[in-house]
PDB file of N, CA and C in Angstrom:
ATOM      1  N   MET A   1       0.879  -1.145  -0.044  1.00  0.00           N
ATOM      2  CA  MET A   1       0.060   0.026   0.047  1.00  0.00           C
ATOM      3  C   MET A   1       0.904   1.283   0.079  1.00  0.00           C
ATOM      4  N   THR A   2       0.540   2.171  -0.795  1.00  0.00           N
ATOM      5  CA  THR A   2       1.242   3.457  -0.904  1.00  0.00           C
ATOM      6  C   THR A   2       0.284   4.629  -0.576  1.00  0.00           C
ATOM      7  N   VAL A   3       0.697   5.470   0.315  1.00  0.00           N
ATOM      8  CA  VAL A   3      -0.157   6.654   0.580  1.00  0.00           C
ATOM      9  C   VAL A   3       0.661   7.835   0.119  1.00  0.00           C
ATOM     10  N   LEU A   4       0.135   8.707  -0.674  1.00  0.00           N
ATOM     11  CA  LEU A   4       0.765   9.850  -1.335  1.00  0.00           C
ATOM     12  C   LEU A   4       0.420  11.097  -0.552  1.00  0.00           C
ATOM     13  N   PRO A   5       1.248  12.162  -0.694  1.00  0.00           N
ATOM     14  CA  PRO A   5       0.991  13.397   0.001  1.00  0.00           C
ATOM     15  C   PRO A   5      -0.432  14.043  -0.228  1.00  0.00           C
ATOM     16  N   ASN A   6      -1.059  13.751  -1.307  1.00  0.00           N
ATOM     17  CA  ASN A   6      -2.344  14.347  -1.583  1.00  0.00           C
ATOM     18  C   ASN A   6      -3.549  13.385  -1.074  1.00  0.00           C
ATOM     19  N   ASP A   7      -3.195  12.451  -0.101  1.00  0.00           N
ATOM     20  CA  ASP A   7      -4.092  11.516   0.476  1.00  0.00           C
ATOM     21  C   ASP A   7      -4.601  10.346  -0.536  1.00  0.00           C
ATOM     22  N   SER A   8      -4.015  10.305  -1.653  1.00  0.00           N
ATOM     23  CA  SER A   8      -4.295   9.219  -2.661  1.00  0.00           C
ATOM     24  C   SER A   8      -3.622   7.942  -2.027  1.00  0.00           C
ATOM     25  N   VAL A   9      -4.400   6.857  -2.181  1.00  0.00           N
ATOM     26  CA  VAL A   9      -3.940   5.559  -1.656  1.00  0.00           C
ATOM     27  C   VAL A   9      -3.919   4.512  -2.791  1.00  0.00           C
ATOM     28  N   TYR A  10      -2.775   3.891  -2.993  1.00  0.00           N
ATOM     29  CA  TYR A  10      -2.701   2.745  -3.966  1.00  0.00           C
ATOM     30  C   TYR A  10      -2.472   1.477  -3.274  1.00  0.00           C
ATOM     31  N   LEU A  11      -3.203   0.505  -3.441  1.00  0.00           N
ATOM     32  CA  LEU A  11      -3.009  -0.822  -2.974  1.00  0.00           C
ATOM     33  C   LEU A  11      -2.802  -1.731  -4.260  1.00  0.00           C
ATOM     34  N   SER A  12      -1.637  -2.292  -4.166  1.00  0.00           N
ATOM     35  CA  SER A  12      -1.280  -3.074  -5.442  1.00  0.00           C
ATOM     36  C   SER A  12      -0.810  -4.491  -5.217  1.00  0.00           C
ATOM     37  N   TRP A  13      -1.108  -5.372  -6.101  1.00  0.00           N
ATOM     38  CA  TRP A  13      -0.688  -6.706  -6.256  1.00  0.00           C
ATOM     39  C   TRP A  13       0.137  -6.852  -7.532  1.00  0.00           C
ATOM     40  N   PRO A  14       1.461  -6.651  -7.581  1.00  0.00           N
ATOM     41  CA  PRO A  14       2.141  -6.780  -8.870  1.00  0.00           C
ATOM     42  C   PRO A  14       1.988  -7.978  -9.494  1.00  0.00           C
ATOM     43  N   GLY A  15       1.894  -9.111  -8.835  1.00  0.00           N
ATOM     44  CA  GLY A  15       1.788 -10.454  -9.510  1.00  0.00           C
ATOM     45  C   GLY A  15       0.510 -10.525 -10.354  1.00  0.00           C
ATOM     46  N   ASN A  16      -0.405  -9.673 -10.219  1.00  0.00           N
ATOM     47  CA  ASN A  16      -1.690  -9.713 -10.959  1.00  0.00           C
ATOM     48  C   ASN A  16      -1.550  -8.781 -12.202  1.00  0.00           C
ATOM     49  N   LEU A  17      -0.591  -8.056 -12.374  1.00  0.00           N
ATOM     50  CA  LEU A  17      -0.458  -7.263 -13.559  1.00  0.00           C
ATOM     51  C   LEU A  17      -0.228  -7.998 -14.862  1.00  0.00           C
ATOM     52  N   ASN A  18      -0.880  -7.494 -15.891  1.00  0.00           N
ATOM     53  CA  ASN A  18      -0.660  -8.108 -17.236  1.00  0.00           C
ATOM     54  C   ASN A  18      -0.715  -9.528 -17.310  1.00  0.00           C
ATOM     55  N   THR A  19      -1.818 -10.092 -16.831  1.00  0.00           N
ATOM     56  CA  THR A  19      -1.957 -11.519 -16.872  1.00  0.00           C
ATOM     57  C   THR A  19      -2.804 -12.055 -18.036  1.00  0.00           C
ATOM     58  N   ASP A  20      -3.428 -10.997 -18.671  1.00  0.00           N
ATOM     59  CA  ASP A  20      -4.387 -11.285 -19.799  1.00  0.00           C
ATOM     60  C   ASP A  20      -5.700 -11.992 -19.288  1.00  0.00           C
ATOM     61  N   ILE A  21      -5.822 -11.954 -18.002  1.00  0.00           N
ATOM     62  CA  ILE A  21      -7.134 -12.439 -17.393  1.00  0.00           C
ATOM     63  C   ILE A  21      -7.763 -11.187 -16.726  1.00  0.00           C
ATOM     64  N   PRO A  22      -8.927 -10.792 -17.279  1.00  0.00           N
ATOM     65  CA  PRO A  22      -9.443  -9.521 -16.820  1.00  0.00           C
ATOM     66  C   PRO A  22      -9.587  -9.432 -15.205  1.00  0.00           C
ATOM     67  N   PHE A  23     -10.066 -10.505 -14.579  1.00  0.00           N
ATOM     68  CA  PHE A  23     -10.224 -10.404 -13.126  1.00  0.00           C
ATOM     69  C   PHE A  23      -8.916  -9.975 -12.413  1.00  0.00           C
ATOM     70  N   TYR A  24      -7.880 -10.669 -12.767  1.00  0.00           N
ATOM     71  CA  TYR A  24      -6.564 -10.365 -12.191  1.00  0.00           C
ATOM     72  C   TYR A  24      -6.064  -9.061 -12.534  1.00  0.00           C
ATOM     73  N   ASP A  25      -6.149  -8.663 -13.763  1.00  0.00           N
ATOM     74  CA  ASP A  25      -5.648  -7.341 -14.172  1.00  0.00           C
ATOM     75  C   ASP A  25      -6.488  -6.220 -13.549  1.00  0.00           C
ATOM     76  N   GLU A  26      -7.766  -6.394 -13.339  1.00  0.00           N
ATOM     77  CA  GLU A  26      -8.620  -5.416 -12.642  1.00  0.00           C
ATOM     78  C   GLU A  26      -8.253  -5.265 -11.220  1.00  0.00           C
ATOM     79  N   THR A  27      -7.938  -6.253 -10.521  1.00  0.00           N
ATOM     80  CA  THR A  27      -7.594  -6.292  -9.136  1.00  0.00           C
ATOM     81  C   THR A  27      -6.190  -6.127  -8.759  1.00  0.00           C
ATOM     82  N   ALA A  28      -5.302  -5.826  -9.817  1.00  0.00           N
ATOM     83  CA  ALA A  28      -3.918  -5.567  -9.520  1.00  0.00           C
ATOM     84  C   ALA A  28      -3.570  -4.260  -8.884  1.00  0.00           C
ATOM     85  N   LEU A  29      -4.511  -3.359  -9.021  1.00  0.00           N
ATOM     86  CA  LEU A  29      -4.346  -1.941  -8.413  1.00  0.00           C
ATOM     87  C   LEU A  29      -5.643  -1.417  -8.058  1.00  0.00           C
ATOM     88  N   PHE A  30      -5.751  -1.099  -6.796  1.00  0.00           N
ATOM     89  CA  PHE A  30      -6.936  -0.356  -6.288  1.00  0.00           C
ATOM     90  C   PHE A  30      -6.512   1.109  -5.988  1.00  0.00           C
ATOM     91  N   ARG A  31      -7.295   2.100  -6.481  1.00  0.00           N
ATOM     92  CA  ARG A  31      -6.899   3.484  -6.164  1.00  0.00           C
ATOM     93  C   ARG A  31      -8.083   4.080  -5.336  1.00  0.00           C
ATOM     94  N   GLY A  32      -7.610   4.802  -4.277  1.00  0.00           N
ATOM     95  CA  GLY A  32      -8.616   5.349  -3.418  1.00  0.00           C
ATOM     96  C   GLY A  32      -8.093   6.674  -2.830  1.00  0.00           C
ATOM     97  N   VAL A  33      -8.895   7.266  -1.897  1.00  0.00           N
ATOM     98  CA  VAL A  33      -8.571   8.516  -1.258  1.00  0.00           C
ATOM     99  C   VAL A  33      -8.791   8.266   0.237  1.00  0.00           C
ATOM    100  N   TYR A  34      -7.771   8.612   0.983  1.00  0.00           N
ATOM    101  CA  TYR A  34      -7.781   8.571   2.539  1.00  0.00           C
ATOM    102  C   TYR A  34      -8.644   9.670   3.107  1.00  0.00           C
ATOM    103  N   ASN A  35      -9.599   9.329   3.939  1.00  0.00           N
ATOM    104  CA  ASN A  35     -10.434  10.172   4.630  1.00  0.00           C
ATOM    105  C   ASN A  35      -9.953  10.289   6.046  1.00  0.00           C
ATOM    106  N   ASN A  36      -9.279  11.421   6.495  1.00  0.00           N
ATOM    107  CA  ASN A  36      -8.651  11.578   7.816  1.00  0.00           C
ATOM    108  C   ASN A  36      -9.681  11.742   8.803  1.00  0.00           C
ATOM    109  N   VAL A  37     -10.943  11.970   8.511  1.00  0.00           N
ATOM    110  CA  VAL A  37     -11.991  12.135   9.619  1.00  0.00           C
ATOM    111  C   VAL A  37     -12.466  10.749  10.002  1.00  0.00           C
ATOM    112  N   THR A  38     -12.704   9.898   9.126  1.00  0.00           N
ATOM    113  CA  THR A  38     -13.215   8.587   9.421  1.00  0.00           C
ATOM    114  C   THR A  38     -12.083   7.435   9.365  1.00  0.00           C
ATOM    115  N   ASN A  39     -10.941   7.901   9.054  1.00  0.00           N
ATOM    116  CA  ASN A  39      -9.811   6.882   8.944  1.00  0.00           C
ATOM    117  C   ASN A  39     -10.053   5.728   8.061  1.00  0.00           C
ATOM    118  N   THR A  40     -10.800   6.059   6.899  1.00  0.00           N
ATOM    119  CA  THR A  40     -11.099   5.025   5.877  1.00  0.00           C
ATOM    120  C   THR A  40     -10.509   5.463   4.524  1.00  0.00           C
ATOM    121  N   VAL A  41     -10.501   4.556   3.537  1.00  0.00           N
ATOM    122  CA  VAL A  41     -10.114   4.816   2.273  1.00  0.00           C
ATOM    123  C   VAL A  41     -11.380   4.526   1.383  1.00  0.00           C
ATOM    124  N   ASP A  42     -11.663   5.514   0.506  1.00  0.00           N
ATOM    125  CA  ASP A  42     -12.824   5.371  -0.361  1.00  0.00           C
ATOM    126  C   ASP A  42     -12.355   5.306  -1.875  1.00  0.00           C
ATOM    127  N   GLY A  43     -13.055   4.442  -2.620  1.00  0.00           N
ATOM    128  CA  GLY A  43     -12.612   4.264  -3.987  1.00  0.00           C
ATOM    129  C   GLY A  43     -13.622   3.416  -4.819  1.00  0.00           C
ATOM    130  N   THR A  44     -13.254   3.119  -6.040  1.00  0.00           N
ATOM    131  CA  THR A  44     -14.081   2.196  -6.764  1.00  0.00           C
ATOM    132  C   THR A  44     -13.273   1.127  -7.349  1.00  0.00           C
ATOM    133  N   TRP A  45     -13.937   0.019  -7.784  1.00  0.00           N
ATOM    134  CA  TRP A  45     -13.124  -1.119  -8.342  1.00  0.00           C
ATOM    135  C   TRP A  45     -14.046  -1.851  -9.292  1.00  0.00           C
ATOM    136  N   ASN A  46     -13.406  -2.670 -10.055  1.00  0.00           N
ATOM    137  CA  ASN A  46     -14.293  -3.493 -11.164  1.00  0.00           C
ATOM    138  C   ASN A  46     -13.948  -5.025 -10.840  1.00  0.00           C
ATOM    139  N   CYS A  47     -14.964  -5.695 -10.847  1.00  0.00           N
ATOM    140  CA  CYS A  47     -14.756  -7.266 -10.742  1.00  0.00           C
ATOM    141  C   CYS A  47     -15.057  -7.852 -12.066  1.00  0.00           C
ATOM    142  N   SER A  48     -14.125  -8.189 -12.856  1.00  0.00           N
ATOM    143  CA  SER A  48     -14.172  -8.719 -14.208  1.00  0.00           C
ATOM    144  C   SER A  48     -14.087 -10.250 -14.150  1.00  0.00           C
ATOM    145  N   PRO A  49     -14.430 -10.890 -15.298  1.00  0.00           N
ATOM    146  CA  PRO A  49     -14.466 -12.303 -15.363  1.00  0.00           C
ATOM    147  C   PRO A  49     -13.160 -12.908 -15.327  1.00  0.00           C
ATOM    148  N   LEU A  50     -13.118 -14.140 -14.912  1.00  0.00           N
ATOM    149  CA  LEU A  50     -11.873 -14.950 -14.893  1.00  0.00           C
ATOM    150  C   LEU A  50     -11.491 -15.569 -16.214  1.00  0.00           C
ATOM    151  N   ASN A  51     -12.341 -15.381 -17.214  1.00  0.00           N
ATOM    152  CA  ASN A  51     -12.106 -15.998 -18.516  1.00  0.00           C
ATOM    153  C   ASN A  51     -11.887 -17.501 -18.515  1.00  0.00           C
ATOM    154  N   LEU A  52     -12.831 -18.205 -17.766  1.00  0.00           N
ATOM    155  CA  LEU A  52     -12.632 -19.613 -17.778  1.00  0.00           C
ATOM    156  C   LEU A  52     -14.018 -20.305 -18.122  1.00  0.00           C
ATOM    157  N   GLU A  53     -13.889 -21.491 -18.708  1.00  0.00           N
ATOM    158  CA  GLU A  53     -15.045 -22.247 -19.023  1.00  0.00           C
ATOM    159  C   GLU A  53     -14.637 -23.607 -18.932  1.00  0.00           C
ATOM    160  N   GLU A  54     -14.604 -24.246 -17.746  1.00  0.00           N
ATOM    161  CA  GLU A  54     -14.027 -25.666 -17.562  1.00  0.00           C
ATOM    162  C   GLU A  54     -14.686 -26.230 -16.300  1.00  0.00           C
ATOM    163  N   GLY A  55     -14.893 -27.595 -16.323  1.00  0.00           N
ATOM    164  CA  GLY A  55     -15.348 -28.336 -15.223  1.00  0.00           C
ATOM    165  C   GLY A  55     -16.759 -27.847 -14.719  1.00  0.00           C
ATOM    166  N   GLY A  56     -17.647 -27.321 -15.678  1.00  0.00           N
ATOM    167  CA  GLY A  56     -18.893 -26.881 -15.306  1.00  0.00           C
ATOM    168  C   GLY A  56     -19.014 -25.482 -14.846  1.00  0.00           C
ATOM    169  N   TYR A  57     -17.893 -24.884 -14.865  1.00  0.00           N
ATOM    170  CA  TYR A  57     -17.859 -23.474 -14.341  1.00  0.00           C
ATOM    171  C   TYR A  57     -17.613 -22.523 -15.570  1.00  0.00           C
ATOM    172  N   THR A  58     -18.435 -21.389 -15.762  1.00  0.00           N
ATOM    173  CA  THR A  58     -18.231 -20.524 -16.785  1.00  0.00           C
ATOM    174  C   THR A  58     -18.253 -19.097 -16.214  1.00  0.00           C
ATOM    175  N   ASP A  59     -17.158 -18.371 -16.564  1.00  0.00           N
ATOM    176  CA  ASP A  59     -17.100 -16.958 -16.148  1.00  0.00           C
ATOM    177  C   ASP A  59     -16.320 -16.314 -17.246  1.00  0.00           C
ATOM    178  N   ILE A  60     -17.096 -15.923 -18.332  1.00  0.00           N
ATOM    179  CA  ILE A  60     -16.427 -15.310 -19.412  1.00  0.00           C
ATOM    180  C   ILE A  60     -16.864 -13.979 -19.824  1.00  0.00           C
ATOM    181  N   LYS A  61     -17.905 -13.438 -19.205  1.00  0.00           N
ATOM    182  CA  LYS A  61     -18.288 -12.084 -19.624  1.00  0.00           C
ATOM    183  C   LYS A  61     -19.024 -11.335 -18.399  1.00  0.00           C
ATOM    184  N   GLY A  62     -19.036 -10.043 -18.484  1.00  0.00           N
ATOM    185  CA  GLY A  62     -19.701  -9.256 -17.541  1.00  0.00           C
ATOM    186  C   GLY A  62     -18.640  -8.643 -16.499  1.00  0.00           C
ATOM    187  N   THR A  63     -18.840  -7.360 -16.225  1.00  0.00           N
ATOM    188  CA  THR A  63     -17.976  -6.730 -15.231  1.00  0.00           C
ATOM    189  C   THR A  63     -18.829  -6.005 -14.245  1.00  0.00           C
ATOM    190  N   ALA A  64     -18.706  -6.213 -12.954  1.00  0.00           N
ATOM    191  CA  ALA A  64     -19.442  -5.551 -11.876  1.00  0.00           C
ATOM    192  C   ALA A  64     -18.727  -4.515 -11.371  1.00  0.00           C
ATOM    193  N   LYS A  65     -19.184  -3.317 -11.096  1.00  0.00           N
ATOM    194  CA  LYS A  65     -18.518  -2.202 -10.546  1.00  0.00           C
ATOM    195  C   LYS A  65     -18.868  -2.119  -9.065  1.00  0.00           C
ATOM    196  N   GLY A  66     -17.913  -1.758  -8.233  1.00  0.00           N
ATOM    197  CA  GLY A  66     -18.181  -1.761  -6.735  1.00  0.00           C
ATOM    198  C   GLY A  66     -17.422  -0.440  -6.197  1.00  0.00           C
ATOM    199  N   ASP A  67     -17.761  -0.196  -4.950  1.00  0.00           N
ATOM    200  CA  ASP A  67     -17.145   0.850  -4.098  1.00  0.00           C
ATOM    201  C   ASP A  67     -16.602   0.170  -2.850  1.00  0.00           C
ATOM    202  N   PHE A  68     -15.463   0.805  -2.408  1.00  0.00           N
ATOM    203  CA  PHE A  68     -14.910   0.443  -1.183  1.00  0.00           C
ATOM    204  C   PHE A  68     -14.626   1.589  -0.254  1.00  0.00           C
TER     205      PHE A  68
END
């Protein structure tokens, strides 16, 4: 996690970068803003598919947006 002087917060998982799997690429970096009144970080994120279709499991389309 990196907190910058302007209260921007980056939470990163470098191993998830550039995997060509949308789920991992989307969750490689979360960007938010630190709120010093509530001691929380607010931001948005996307949950994308794993691009798999095997063993009866299918996750190949659709992206959900969320807040944290």
